[in-house]
Protein backbone atom coordinates (compact mmCIF):
# COMPACT_ATOMS: atom_id res chain seq x y z
CA UNK A 1 38.98 -39.60 -39.28
CA UNK A 2 37.55 -37.98 -36.16
CA UNK A 3 35.44 -40.35 -34.07
CA UNK A 4 32.10 -39.50 -32.41
CA UNK A 5 32.48 -39.23 -28.63
CA UNK A 6 28.79 -39.31 -27.68
CA UNK A 7 27.15 -42.13 -25.75
CA UNK A 8 23.96 -42.40 -27.84
CA UNK A 9 23.21 -44.47 -30.92
CA UNK A 10 21.87 -44.02 -34.47
CA UNK A 11 18.79 -45.89 -35.60
CA UNK A 12 18.81 -47.10 -39.25
CA UNK A 13 15.38 -48.00 -40.64
CA UNK A 14 15.31 -49.83 -44.04
CA UNK A 15 13.53 -52.92 -45.36
CA UNK A 16 16.62 -53.83 -47.46
CA UNK A 17 19.27 -55.83 -45.50
CA UNK A 18 21.98 -54.70 -47.94
CA UNK A 19 21.26 -51.05 -47.29
CA UNK A 20 21.29 -51.71 -43.56
CA UNK A 21 24.67 -53.41 -43.82
CA UNK A 22 26.24 -50.68 -45.98
CA UNK A 23 25.06 -47.84 -43.73
CA UNK A 24 25.97 -49.73 -40.58
CA UNK A 25 29.55 -50.46 -41.71
CA UNK A 26 30.09 -46.87 -42.83
CA UNK A 27 28.84 -45.34 -39.56
CA UNK A 28 30.66 -47.75 -37.31
CA UNK A 29 33.94 -46.44 -38.75
CA UNK A 30 33.00 -43.10 -37.26
CA UNK A 31 32.72 -44.69 -33.82
CA UNK A 32 28.94 -44.63 -33.81
CA UNK A 33 26.71 -47.17 -32.12
CA UNK A 34 24.09 -48.60 -34.42
CA UNK A 35 20.61 -50.13 -34.01
CA UNK A 36 18.51 -51.31 -36.93
CA UNK A 37 14.85 -51.78 -37.78
CA UNK A 38 13.28 -53.15 -40.99
CA UNK A 39 9.87 -51.46 -40.75
CA UNK A 40 8.20 -48.35 -39.39
CA UNK A 41 6.35 -50.02 -36.49
CA UNK A 42 9.54 -51.59 -35.13
CA UNK A 43 11.34 -48.27 -35.48
CA UNK A 44 8.67 -46.41 -33.48
CA UNK A 45 8.78 -49.05 -30.73
CA UNK A 46 12.59 -48.74 -30.43
CA UNK A 47 12.46 -44.96 -30.34
CA UNK A 48 9.79 -44.97 -27.61
CA UNK A 49 11.80 -47.39 -25.48
CA UNK A 50 15.19 -45.70 -25.92
CA UNK A 51 15.42 -42.51 -28.02
CA UNK A 52 18.40 -42.43 -30.43
CA UNK A 53 20.55 -39.43 -31.26
CA UNK A 54 19.55 -39.52 -34.94
CA UNK A 55 17.36 -41.59 -37.28
CA UNK A 56 18.20 -42.63 -40.87
CA UNK A 57 14.76 -43.45 -42.28
CA UNK A 58 14.03 -45.11 -45.64
CA UNK A 59 11.07 -43.60 -47.46
CA UNK A 60 9.93 -46.58 -49.53
CA UNK A 61 8.97 -49.43 -47.18
CA UNK A 62 6.06 -51.87 -47.36
CA UNK A 63 3.13 -51.23 -45.06
CA UNK A 64 4.02 -48.05 -43.14
CA UNK A 65 6.30 -46.00 -45.38
CA UNK A 66 8.91 -43.48 -44.21
CA UNK A 67 6.61 -40.46 -44.48
CA UNK A 68 3.94 -41.98 -42.19
CA UNK A 69 6.60 -43.22 -39.76
CA UNK A 70 8.07 -39.72 -39.61
CA UNK A 71 4.62 -38.21 -39.03
CA UNK A 72 3.95 -40.54 -36.08
CA UNK A 73 7.35 -39.85 -34.52
CA UNK A 74 6.86 -36.09 -34.79
CA UNK A 75 3.38 -36.38 -33.25
CA UNK A 76 4.87 -37.64 -29.96
CA UNK A 77 6.08 -34.63 -27.89
CA UNK A 78 8.55 -36.77 -25.94
CA UNK A 79 10.52 -37.79 -29.05
CA UNK A 80 9.64 -35.23 -31.73
CA UNK A 81 12.99 -33.41 -31.34
CA UNK A 82 15.07 -36.32 -32.67
CA UNK A 83 16.57 -35.35 -36.08
CA UNK A 84 15.41 -37.57 -38.99
CA UNK A 85 17.36 -37.94 -42.26
CA UNK A 86 15.45 -39.58 -45.10
CA UNK A 87 17.28 -42.16 -47.26
CA UNK A 88 15.63 -42.70 -50.65
CA UNK A 89 16.15 -43.28 -54.36
CA UNK A 90 13.48 -40.68 -55.04
CA UNK A 91 15.25 -37.54 -56.17
CA UNK A 92 12.24 -35.50 -57.25
CA UNK A 93 11.64 -32.14 -55.60
CA UNK A 94 8.09 -33.00 -54.46
CA UNK A 95 9.31 -35.96 -52.38
CA UNK A 96 12.03 -33.89 -50.76
CA UNK A 97 9.63 -31.02 -49.97
CA UNK A 98 7.13 -33.46 -48.47
CA UNK A 99 9.80 -35.04 -46.28
CA UNK A 100 11.12 -31.70 -45.05
CA UNK A 101 7.59 -30.45 -44.39
CA UNK A 102 7.00 -33.48 -42.15
CA UNK A 103 9.97 -32.45 -40.00
CA UNK A 104 12.96 -34.21 -41.54
CA UNK A 105 16.25 -32.35 -41.35
CA UNK A 106 17.95 -33.73 -44.48
CA UNK A 107 17.91 -36.14 -47.42
CA UNK A 108 20.50 -38.76 -48.51
CA UNK A 109 19.92 -40.29 -51.92
CA UNK A 110 20.66 -43.85 -52.97
CA UNK A 111 23.04 -45.34 -54.00
CA UNK A 112 24.99 -44.15 -50.91
CA UNK A 113 28.26 -42.27 -51.05
CA UNK A 114 30.06 -43.16 -47.82
CA UNK A 115 31.72 -39.75 -47.35
CA UNK A 116 28.46 -37.91 -48.00
CA UNK A 117 26.62 -40.06 -45.45
CA UNK A 118 29.30 -39.52 -42.82
CA UNK A 119 29.47 -35.78 -43.47
CA UNK A 120 25.72 -35.27 -43.24
CA UNK A 121 25.37 -37.45 -40.14
CA UNK A 122 28.32 -35.73 -38.49
CA UNK A 123 26.83 -32.25 -39.05
CA UNK A 124 23.44 -33.19 -37.65
CA UNK A 125 24.93 -34.98 -34.67
CA UNK A 126 27.00 -31.90 -33.86
CA UNK A 127 23.90 -29.74 -34.22
CA UNK A 128 22.04 -32.19 -31.97
CA UNK A 129 24.76 -31.97 -29.33
CA UNK A 130 24.85 -28.17 -29.51
CA UNK A 131 21.06 -28.02 -29.22
CA UNK A 132 21.14 -30.25 -26.14
CA UNK A 133 23.92 -28.20 -24.61
CA UNK A 134 22.01 -25.00 -25.30
CA UNK A 135 18.89 -26.49 -23.72
CA UNK A 136 20.87 -27.53 -20.62
CA UNK A 137 22.38 -24.07 -20.39
CA UNK A 138 18.94 -22.50 -20.73
CA UNK A 139 17.58 -24.78 -18.00
CA UNK A 140 20.55 -23.98 -15.78
CA UNK A 141 20.16 -20.28 -16.50
CA UNK A 142 16.45 -20.43 -15.75
CA UNK A 143 17.10 -22.35 -12.54
CA UNK A 144 19.83 -19.87 -11.64
CA UNK A 145 17.48 -16.98 -12.29
CA UNK A 146 14.78 -18.61 -10.20
CA UNK A 147 17.23 -19.25 -7.35
CA UNK A 148 18.58 -15.71 -7.64
CA UNK A 149 15.06 -14.27 -7.70
CA UNK A 150 14.11 -16.41 -4.70
CA UNK A 151 17.21 -15.28 -2.83
CA UNK A 152 16.48 -11.66 -3.71
CA UNK A 153 12.91 -12.08 -2.46
CA UNK A 154 14.08 -13.81 0.71
CA UNK A 155 16.73 -11.18 1.32
CA UNK A 156 14.23 -8.39 0.63
CA UNK A 157 11.79 -9.99 3.07
CA UNK A 158 14.56 -10.37 5.66
CA UNK A 159 15.61 -6.75 5.25
CA UNK A 160 11.98 -5.60 5.41
CA UNK A 161 11.44 -7.65 8.56
CA UNK A 162 14.68 -6.37 10.06
CA UNK A 163 13.70 -2.78 9.25
CA UNK A 164 10.27 -3.28 10.79
CA UNK A 165 11.78 -4.84 13.91
CA UNK A 166 14.32 -2.02 14.11
CA UNK A 167 11.54 0.55 13.84
CA UNK A 168 9.53 -1.26 16.50
CA UNK A 169 12.57 -1.54 18.76
CA UNK A 170 13.37 2.14 18.26
CA UNK A 171 9.76 3.06 18.96
CA UNK A 172 9.72 0.94 22.13
CA UNK A 173 13.09 2.32 23.19
CA UNK A 174 12.05 5.95 22.70
CA UNK A 175 8.75 5.39 24.48
CA UNK A 176 10.35 3.33 27.26
CA UNK A 177 12.94 6.02 27.90
CA UNK A 178 10.22 8.68 27.77
CA UNK A 179 7.98 6.77 30.18
CA UNK A 180 10.94 5.88 32.39
CA UNK A 181 11.94 9.54 32.67
CA UNK A 182 8.31 10.55 33.21
CA UNK A 183 7.86 7.78 35.75
CA UNK A 184 10.96 8.84 37.66
CA UNK A 185 9.80 12.46 37.60
CA UNK A 186 6.28 11.60 38.75
CA UNK A 187 7.54 9.19 41.39
CA UNK A 188 9.98 11.82 42.61
CA UNK A 189 7.25 14.44 42.82
CA UNK A 190 4.98 12.01 44.68
CA UNK A 191 7.80 11.16 47.06
CA UNK A 192 8.57 14.82 47.71
CA UNK A 193 4.88 15.48 48.38
CA UNK A 194 4.72 12.69 50.94
CA UNK A 195 6.60 14.57 53.67
CA UNK A 196 4.58 17.83 53.67
CA UNK A 197 1.36 15.86 53.16
CA UNK A 198 2.23 13.62 56.08
CA UNK A 199 3.05 16.64 58.21
CA UNK A 200 -0.29 18.28 57.40
CA UNK A 201 -2.27 15.08 58.01
CA UNK A 202 -0.54 14.44 61.32
CA UNK A 203 -0.91 18.06 62.52
CA UNK A 204 -4.55 18.42 61.58
CA UNK A 205 -5.65 15.89 64.22
CA UNK A 206 -4.11 17.75 67.21
CA UNK A 207 -5.16 21.07 65.64
CA UNK A 208 -8.80 19.97 65.84
CA UNK A 209 -8.22 18.92 69.44
CA UNK A 210 -6.60 22.24 70.37
CA UNK A 211 -9.42 24.23 68.79
CA UNK A 212 -11.96 22.13 70.66
CA UNK A 213 -10.16 22.65 73.97
CA UNK A 214 -9.73 26.39 73.42
CA UNK A 215 -13.39 26.71 72.51
CA UNK A 216 -14.37 24.99 75.75
CA UNK A 217 -12.06 27.26 77.78
CA UNK A 218 -13.44 30.45 76.21
CA UNK A 219 -17.02 29.28 76.65
CA UNK A 220 -16.30 28.38 80.31
CA UNK A 221 -14.65 31.76 80.90
CA UNK A 222 -17.61 33.60 79.41
CA UNK A 223 -19.99 31.66 81.63
CA UNK A 224 -17.88 32.11 84.80
CA UNK A 225 -17.18 35.83 84.34
CA UNK A 226 -20.20 37.39 82.73
CA UNK A 227 -19.24 40.79 84.14
CA UNK A 228 -15.71 40.89 82.69
CA UNK A 229 -13.56 43.96 82.91
CA UNK A 230 -14.43 46.70 80.43
CA UNK A 231 -11.17 46.35 78.45
CA UNK A 232 -11.55 42.57 78.15
CA UNK A 233 -15.13 42.92 77.00
CA UNK A 234 -14.11 45.45 74.36
CA UNK A 235 -11.30 43.16 73.15
CA UNK A 236 -13.64 40.18 72.83
CA UNK A 237 -16.10 42.33 70.90
CA UNK A 238 -13.43 43.62 68.48
CA UNK A 239 -12.01 40.11 67.86
CA UNK A 240 -15.48 38.71 67.13
CA UNK A 241 -14.66 35.57 69.09
CA UNK A 242 -18.10 34.13 68.49
CA UNK A 243 -17.59 34.15 64.70
CA UNK A 244 -14.01 32.85 65.00
CA UNK A 245 -15.14 29.93 67.17
CA UNK A 246 -17.78 29.02 64.58
CA UNK A 247 -15.61 29.51 61.47
CA UNK A 248 -12.31 27.97 62.63
CA UNK A 249 -13.59 24.33 62.55
CA UNK A 250 -14.93 24.98 59.03
CA UNK A 251 -11.51 26.22 57.91
CA UNK A 252 -9.84 23.18 59.40
CA UNK A 253 -12.35 20.86 57.68
CA UNK A 254 -11.67 22.59 54.34
CA UNK A 255 -7.93 22.15 54.89
CA UNK A 256 -8.51 18.50 55.75
CA UNK A 257 -10.43 17.90 52.49
CA UNK A 258 -7.69 19.65 50.49
CA UNK A 259 -5.00 17.57 52.15
CA UNK A 260 -6.96 14.38 51.42
CA UNK A 261 -7.27 15.47 47.77
CA UNK A 262 -3.52 16.04 47.56
CA UNK A 263 -2.95 12.67 49.20
CA UNK A 264 -5.21 10.96 46.62
CA UNK A 265 -3.32 12.63 43.78
CA UNK A 266 0.01 11.57 45.29
CA UNK A 267 -1.17 7.96 45.57
CA UNK A 268 -2.50 8.08 41.99
CA UNK A 269 0.82 9.43 40.73
CA UNK A 270 2.69 6.60 42.45
CA UNK A 271 0.29 3.98 41.07
CA UNK A 272 0.35 5.45 37.56
CA UNK A 273 4.15 5.59 37.40
CA UNK A 274 4.76 2.04 38.58
CA UNK A 275 7.76 0.61 36.71
CA UNK A 276 6.70 -2.99 36.09
CA UNK A 277 7.30 -3.38 32.35
CA UNK A 278 9.31 -6.60 32.78
CA UNK A 279 7.17 -8.59 35.21
CA UNK A 280 3.42 -9.12 35.21
CA UNK A 281 1.64 -8.61 38.52
CA UNK A 282 -1.89 -9.20 39.78
CA UNK A 283 -3.64 -5.87 39.40
CA UNK A 284 -7.03 -4.29 39.89
CA UNK A 285 -8.00 -2.68 36.58
CA UNK A 286 -10.28 -0.21 38.33
CA UNK A 287 -7.36 1.16 40.36
CA UNK A 288 -5.52 1.97 37.14
CA UNK A 289 -8.57 3.69 35.65
CA UNK A 290 -9.16 5.71 38.82
CA UNK A 291 -5.50 6.76 39.03
CA UNK A 292 -5.60 7.93 35.42
CA UNK A 293 -8.86 9.84 35.94
CA UNK A 294 -7.40 11.51 39.03
CA UNK A 295 -4.37 12.73 37.10
CA UNK A 296 -6.64 13.98 34.29
CA UNK A 297 -9.05 15.57 36.75
CA UNK A 298 -8.04 19.14 35.90
CA UNK A 299 -8.93 18.57 32.24
CA UNK A 300 -12.43 17.33 33.13
CA UNK A 301 -13.38 20.59 34.80
CA UNK A 302 -15.42 23.21 32.98
CA UNK A 303 -13.43 26.09 31.49
CA UNK A 304 -15.08 29.30 30.32
CA UNK A 305 -18.11 28.44 28.21
CA UNK A 306 -17.18 24.77 28.01
CA UNK A 307 -19.10 22.69 30.55
CA UNK A 308 -17.56 20.07 32.82
CA UNK A 309 -16.97 16.68 31.21
CA UNK A 310 -19.09 14.11 33.02
CA UNK A 311 -17.46 10.71 33.63
CA UNK A 312 -20.04 7.91 33.85
CA UNK A 313 -18.64 4.72 35.40
CA UNK A 314 -20.30 1.36 34.88
CA UNK A 315 -17.84 -0.88 36.66
CA UNK A 316 -18.51 -4.61 36.76
CA UNK A 317 -17.14 -7.15 39.22
CA UNK A 318 -13.63 -7.78 37.90
CA UNK A 319 -11.08 -10.31 39.15
CA UNK A 320 -7.43 -9.38 39.50
CA UNK A 321 -5.63 -9.50 36.14
CA UNK A 322 -2.02 -10.47 35.43
CA UNK A 323 -0.67 -7.46 33.59
CA UNK A 324 1.97 -4.75 33.33
CA UNK A 325 -0.09 -2.19 35.21
CA UNK A 326 2.17 0.76 34.41
CA UNK A 327 1.88 0.06 30.69
CA UNK A 328 -1.89 -0.41 30.87
CA UNK A 329 -2.18 2.90 32.70
CA UNK A 330 -0.38 4.45 29.74
CA UNK A 331 -3.04 2.95 27.41
CA UNK A 332 -5.83 4.37 29.59
CA UNK A 333 -4.07 7.76 29.60
CA UNK A 334 -3.74 7.83 25.79
CA UNK A 335 -7.37 6.85 25.13
CA UNK A 336 -8.90 9.09 27.81
CA UNK A 337 -6.72 12.08 26.80
CA UNK A 338 -7.82 11.61 23.16
CA UNK A 339 -11.46 11.47 24.30
CA UNK A 340 -11.02 14.74 26.20
CA UNK A 341 -9.39 16.32 23.13
CA UNK A 342 -12.37 15.24 21.00
CA UNK A 343 -14.84 16.65 23.53
CA UNK A 344 -12.98 19.95 23.69
CA UNK A 345 -13.47 20.33 19.94
CA UNK A 346 -17.20 19.62 20.04
CA UNK A 347 -19.94 22.10 20.94
CA UNK A 348 -21.95 19.59 22.97
CA UNK A 349 -23.75 20.99 26.00
CA UNK A 350 -23.39 17.71 27.88
CA UNK A 351 -19.94 16.25 27.08
CA UNK A 352 -19.42 12.88 28.69
CA UNK A 353 -17.06 9.93 28.86
CA UNK A 354 -18.54 6.53 29.64
CA UNK A 355 -16.32 3.79 31.09
CA UNK A 356 -17.73 0.28 31.30
CA UNK A 357 -15.95 -2.87 32.50
CA UNK A 358 -17.16 -6.47 32.37
CA UNK A 359 -16.04 -10.10 32.22
CA UNK A 360 -16.81 -12.25 29.18
CA UNK A 361 -15.43 -15.73 28.44
CA UNK A 362 -12.41 -15.44 30.74
CA UNK A 363 -11.60 -12.02 29.32
CA UNK A 364 -11.76 -8.54 30.76
CA UNK A 365 -13.45 -5.97 28.55
CA UNK A 366 -12.94 -2.24 29.08
CA UNK A 367 -15.03 0.16 26.98
CA UNK A 368 -14.17 3.87 26.90
CA UNK A 369 -16.64 5.94 24.87
CA UNK A 370 -17.12 9.66 24.29
CA UNK A 371 -19.83 11.69 22.58
CA UNK A 372 -17.32 13.92 20.82
CA UNK A 373 -16.75 14.77 17.17
CA UNK A 374 -16.02 11.20 16.05
CA UNK A 375 -13.76 10.29 13.13
CA UNK A 376 -14.21 10.21 9.36
CA UNK A 377 -13.56 6.93 7.51
CA UNK A 378 -10.32 8.38 6.14
CA UNK A 379 -9.01 9.15 9.63
CA UNK A 380 -10.19 5.78 10.98
CA UNK A 381 -7.98 4.01 8.44
CA UNK A 382 -4.90 5.90 9.65
CA UNK A 383 -5.19 6.20 13.44
CA UNK A 384 -2.76 3.34 14.08
CA UNK A 385 -0.25 4.58 11.48
CA UNK A 386 3.11 5.70 12.79
CA UNK A 387 3.32 9.49 13.37
CA UNK A 388 -0.24 10.13 12.13
CA UNK A 389 -2.01 12.80 14.18
CA UNK A 390 -4.88 15.24 13.68
CA UNK A 391 -3.62 17.51 16.43
CA UNK A 392 -1.78 20.78 15.98
CA UNK A 393 2.01 20.84 15.75
CA UNK A 394 3.56 20.20 19.14
CA UNK A 395 0.37 18.75 20.67
CA UNK A 396 0.55 15.19 19.39
CA UNK A 397 3.31 12.70 18.51
CA UNK A 398 1.22 10.36 16.36
CA UNK A 399 2.45 7.25 18.21
CA UNK A 400 0.12 7.13 21.24
CA UNK A 401 -2.47 4.78 19.76
CA UNK A 402 0.17 2.71 17.95
CA UNK A 403 1.99 2.12 21.23
CA UNK A 404 -1.31 1.45 22.99
CA UNK A 405 -2.13 -1.29 20.49
CA UNK A 406 1.33 -2.81 20.88
CA UNK A 407 0.97 -2.79 24.67
CA UNK A 408 -2.45 -4.45 24.54
CA UNK A 409 -1.86 -6.93 21.71
CA UNK A 410 1.85 -7.76 21.94
CA UNK A 411 2.51 -7.36 25.67
CA UNK A 412 -0.82 -8.70 26.93
CA UNK A 413 -2.06 -10.88 24.02
CA UNK A 414 -5.30 -8.90 24.06
CA UNK A 415 -7.10 -6.82 21.49
CA UNK A 416 -7.64 -3.08 20.97
CA UNK A 417 -10.45 -2.12 18.61
CA UNK A 418 -12.68 0.89 18.08
CA UNK A 419 -15.93 2.11 16.56
CA UNK A 420 -16.50 5.68 15.50
CA UNK A 421 -19.15 7.71 13.73
CA UNK A 422 -18.47 11.21 12.56
CA UNK A 423 -20.40 13.66 14.68
CA UNK A 424 -21.53 10.96 17.14
CA UNK A 425 -18.41 9.99 19.04
CA UNK A 426 -15.87 7.16 19.40
CA UNK A 427 -15.67 4.02 21.50
CA UNK A 428 -12.47 2.08 22.20
CA UNK A 429 -12.69 -1.48 23.51
CA UNK A 430 -9.76 -3.16 25.30
CA UNK A 431 -9.96 -6.92 25.71
CA UNK A 432 -7.49 -8.64 28.05
CA UNK A 433 -7.11 -12.30 29.03
CA UNK A 434 -7.52 -12.73 32.78
CA UNK A 435 -4.30 -14.76 32.93
């Protein structure tokens, strides 16, 4: 006879000691561990303390009969899955139906046939073991699915983060190379301008002196020789020396102003193209704004029917700020160039850009506002999106404001925000910590 290999026990509940002994001896031959109870209350207590693998429950017992005992066991969710086999001398159909309806899995009638008892117990124990195994497998499968789903989610998040970082790195790389090449070009142009500018500046001083000396000599000659020879007098009249002596200093002054303008542009180009993206330096924010405005000066002038764009400066007293000045100049360039674009599209008779700087709570605040066409709510929701632009093909990359926000918020731990009203204009506000 095959022996049961499980570690659990079978609970036999019967008020008749003879029945308990017969069932116990028969089941022990099968290698089963046995516990016994002689009433329903004792049986429930045993089951609650240590659940058995199977219960053989007598129906007819004094006090709490088998049906009530079964009902109470099935009412407890922690033990209601234990199979119950009724043992009874009642062979009528109604009793069997009632027992099965209460949750029993089988019936064994008295007097007992040993082989029948063993066969029925064996089947239900095997079913019990298979049910437990299936439950364990389901739990393991569910846990495996949860772990797999978690790993998929984690991996998806990692890949999404990696993709985002790759896109950011690529964006920074493209822009860095672009700005590096532009910076080298601008710095080279500024350097090349230095020599001729220096020559002009240095030569203008002695030129003024020479003109002054020559003017004195001519005036002295005219005073000393009022009756000059006829040919000389005619020559002086034809050359209009009087006009030349009056106009030449004006020409030199005009040249001097032009040279100073070129010198300012050269200095602005050098300041704007500073390559300091790796080290923060103490910088005057106003210098960066002025350099940017100087470079954009040609776009502020009136063209055709479009009037000149007025730049209104409301500069506060700002301390030096630790920053990457070259990168901040790029932010100023992007915002101011966009403001000029917006003003070029509007029909305003008095286009203006207002720049205001102030200090608030250890932070620098830079406000750049225009009275241009403004932005619709739909456009406002997209202006920081990668490659989004409202400009014509070839006139905008769609990454200027995105890079500006990264420079302000990631590089400088500041904040870039804006307000806009369609038809009324746009205002960008840059907030930077002083240090």
